[in-house]
Amino acid sequence: MSRNAKINGLLLLLVAALAVLPLALGLGDHKEEPFTGADAEAETAITEIRPDYEPWFSPLYEPPSGEIESALFALQAALGAGVLAYYFGLRRGRRQGEERAAARAAEAVPGAGPSAAPSSGADEDA
C-alpha cells in the first residue's frame, strides 16, 4: 500500500469518526434541538446575556422551515464542492497536458529523449 493510500485511508477514517462520534456519544441529547448551527447558538447566548438586544440587520430571506434551510445549506455546500473539484481537476489536467507536451517535444528532438526501448510491443515485430 502506497504512502498516499495510507494517508487517504486515515483521513477518510477521521472524517467518518467526526460524523459518527457525536451521534454515538449522545452529545446534545440534553438540548431541544441538539445540532443547531452556530448562528442559532449565538442568538440564544446573546438573548440570555442581554434580553433587550436588538439585531442590526435582518435576513434577506427566511426559509419557512428548518428542513428547507438545511436543504439550501446542503445545496450551497454541494455547489461549493463542485466548483472546487472542477478547479483542482482543471489544474491537474493542465499540468498533465504540459508534462505530455514536454515529453513529446523531448521525443521529437533526436538524442534528447529516452532511446532504450520502444514504447509498445508492436514495433518489435516489424
Protein backbone atom coordinates (compact mmCIF):
# COMPACT_ATOMS: atom_id res chain seq x y z
CA MET A 1 0.00 0.00 0.00
CA SER A 2 1.47 3.35 -1.01
CA ARG A 3 2.00 6.24 1.36
CA ASN A 4 -0.74 8.31 -0.30
CA ALA A 5 -3.23 5.46 0.02
CA LYS A 6 -2.46 5.16 3.74
CA ILE A 7 -2.90 8.91 4.26
CA ASN A 8 -6.16 8.94 2.29
CA GLY A 9 -7.49 5.99 4.29
CA LEU A 10 -6.56 7.65 7.56
CA LEU A 11 -8.25 10.90 6.52
CA LEU A 12 -11.37 9.04 5.44
CA LEU A 13 -11.48 7.24 8.79
CA LEU A 14 -11.06 10.56 10.62
CA VAL A 15 -13.94 12.18 8.69
CA ALA A 16 -16.18 9.19 9.40
CA ALA A 17 -15.30 9.38 13.10
CA LEU A 18 -16.11 13.10 13.18
CA ALA A 19 -19.51 12.37 11.68
CA VAL A 20 -20.41 9.33 13.80
CA LEU A 21 -18.90 10.06 17.23
CA PRO A 22 -21.22 12.96 18.21
CA LEU A 23 -24.22 10.76 17.43
CA ALA A 24 -22.80 7.67 19.14
CA LEU A 25 -21.76 9.52 22.28
CA GLY A 26 -25.12 11.27 22.58
CA LEU A 27 -23.70 14.75 22.53
CA GLY A 28 -26.53 17.24 22.55
CA ASP A 29 -29.16 14.90 23.98
CA HIS A 30 -29.92 17.43 26.71
CA LYS A 31 -30.98 20.08 24.17
CA GLU A 32 -34.32 20.54 22.41
CA GLU A 33 -32.54 20.85 19.04
CA PRO A 34 -29.23 19.06 19.56
CA PHE A 35 -27.32 20.04 16.42
CA THR A 36 -28.35 23.60 15.61
CA GLY A 37 -25.99 25.88 13.76
CA ALA A 38 -23.63 28.41 15.27
CA ASP A 39 -25.98 31.28 14.40
CA ALA A 40 -28.81 29.83 16.49
CA GLU A 41 -26.44 29.09 19.38
CA ALA A 42 -25.08 32.65 19.27
CA GLU A 43 -28.58 34.12 19.18
CA THR A 44 -29.59 32.08 22.22
CA ALA A 45 -26.47 33.11 24.15
CA ILE A 46 -26.94 36.79 23.30
CA THR A 47 -30.60 36.85 24.35
CA GLU A 48 -29.67 35.16 27.66
CA ILE A 49 -26.98 37.75 28.38
CA ARG A 50 -28.86 40.83 27.13
CA PRO A 51 -32.61 40.29 26.65
CA ASP A 52 -33.06 43.84 25.29
CA TYR A 53 -30.54 43.32 22.45
CA GLU A 54 -31.87 44.18 19.01
CA PRO A 55 -30.06 42.86 15.90
CA TRP A 56 -28.63 45.39 13.46
CA PHE A 57 -29.77 43.50 10.37
CA SER A 58 -32.49 41.07 9.44
CA PRO A 59 -32.09 38.21 6.93
CA LEU A 60 -32.96 38.86 3.29
CA TYR A 61 -34.79 35.53 3.06
CA GLU A 62 -36.15 33.48 5.94
CA PRO A 63 -36.93 29.87 4.91
CA PRO A 64 -40.35 28.65 6.05
CA SER A 65 -38.93 25.62 7.90
CA GLY A 66 -35.69 24.16 9.22
CA GLU A 67 -35.77 21.40 6.61
CA ILE A 68 -35.75 23.89 3.75
CA GLU A 69 -32.96 25.82 5.44
CA SER A 70 -30.94 22.59 5.74
CA ALA A 71 -31.63 21.72 2.10
CA LEU A 72 -30.46 25.16 0.95
CA PHE A 73 -27.32 24.81 3.04
CA ALA A 74 -26.62 21.36 1.57
CA LEU A 75 -27.15 22.75 -1.94
CA GLN A 76 -24.72 25.57 -1.21
CA ALA A 77 -22.14 23.09 0.11
CA ALA A 78 -22.58 20.84 -2.95
CA LEU A 79 -22.13 23.75 -5.34
CA GLY A 80 -19.01 24.88 -3.50
CA ALA A 81 -17.57 21.36 -3.56
CA GLY A 82 -18.34 21.13 -7.29
CA VAL A 83 -16.56 24.40 -8.03
CA LEU A 84 -13.51 23.33 -6.00
CA ALA A 85 -13.41 19.88 -7.64
CA TYR A 86 -13.65 21.47 -11.10
CA TYR A 87 -10.84 23.90 -10.30
CA PHE A 88 -8.48 21.24 -8.94
CA GLY A 89 -9.33 18.87 -11.79
CA LEU A 90 -8.63 21.60 -14.32
CA ARG A 91 -5.28 22.38 -12.70
CA ARG A 92 -4.31 18.71 -12.67
CA GLY A 93 -5.37 18.24 -16.29
CA ARG A 94 -3.37 21.26 -17.42
CA ARG A 95 -0.31 20.04 -15.53
CA GLN A 96 -0.61 16.56 -17.09
CA GLY A 97 -1.07 18.13 -20.53
CA GLU A 98 2.05 20.22 -20.09
CA GLU A 99 4.01 17.14 -18.99
CA ARG A 100 2.81 15.18 -22.05
CA ALA A 101 3.66 18.06 -24.36
CA ALA A 102 7.15 18.30 -22.85
CA ALA A 103 7.61 14.54 -23.26
CA ARG A 104 6.53 14.71 -26.92
CA ALA A 105 8.87 17.62 -27.55
CA ALA A 106 11.74 15.69 -25.96
CA GLU A 107 10.97 12.64 -28.16
CA ALA A 108 10.87 14.80 -31.30
CA VAL A 109 14.43 16.04 -30.73
CA PRO A 110 16.91 13.27 -31.65
CA GLY A 111 19.13 12.23 -28.75
CA ALA A 112 17.10 14.22 -26.19
CA GLY A 113 14.51 11.58 -25.33
CA PRO A 114 14.79 8.03 -23.99
CA SER A 115 16.22 5.77 -26.68
CA ALA A 116 16.41 2.45 -24.85
CA ALA A 117 13.24 0.51 -25.66
CA PRO A 118 10.28 1.17 -27.95
CA SER A 119 7.09 2.33 -26.26
CA SER A 120 4.89 -0.54 -27.48
CA GLY A 121 5.45 -4.20 -28.26
CA ALA A 122 4.02 -3.83 -31.80
CA ASP A 123 7.17 -2.10 -33.05
CA GLU A 124 9.33 -5.11 -32.13
CA ASP A 125 7.61 -7.40 -34.68
CA ALA A 126 8.29 -5.09 -37.63
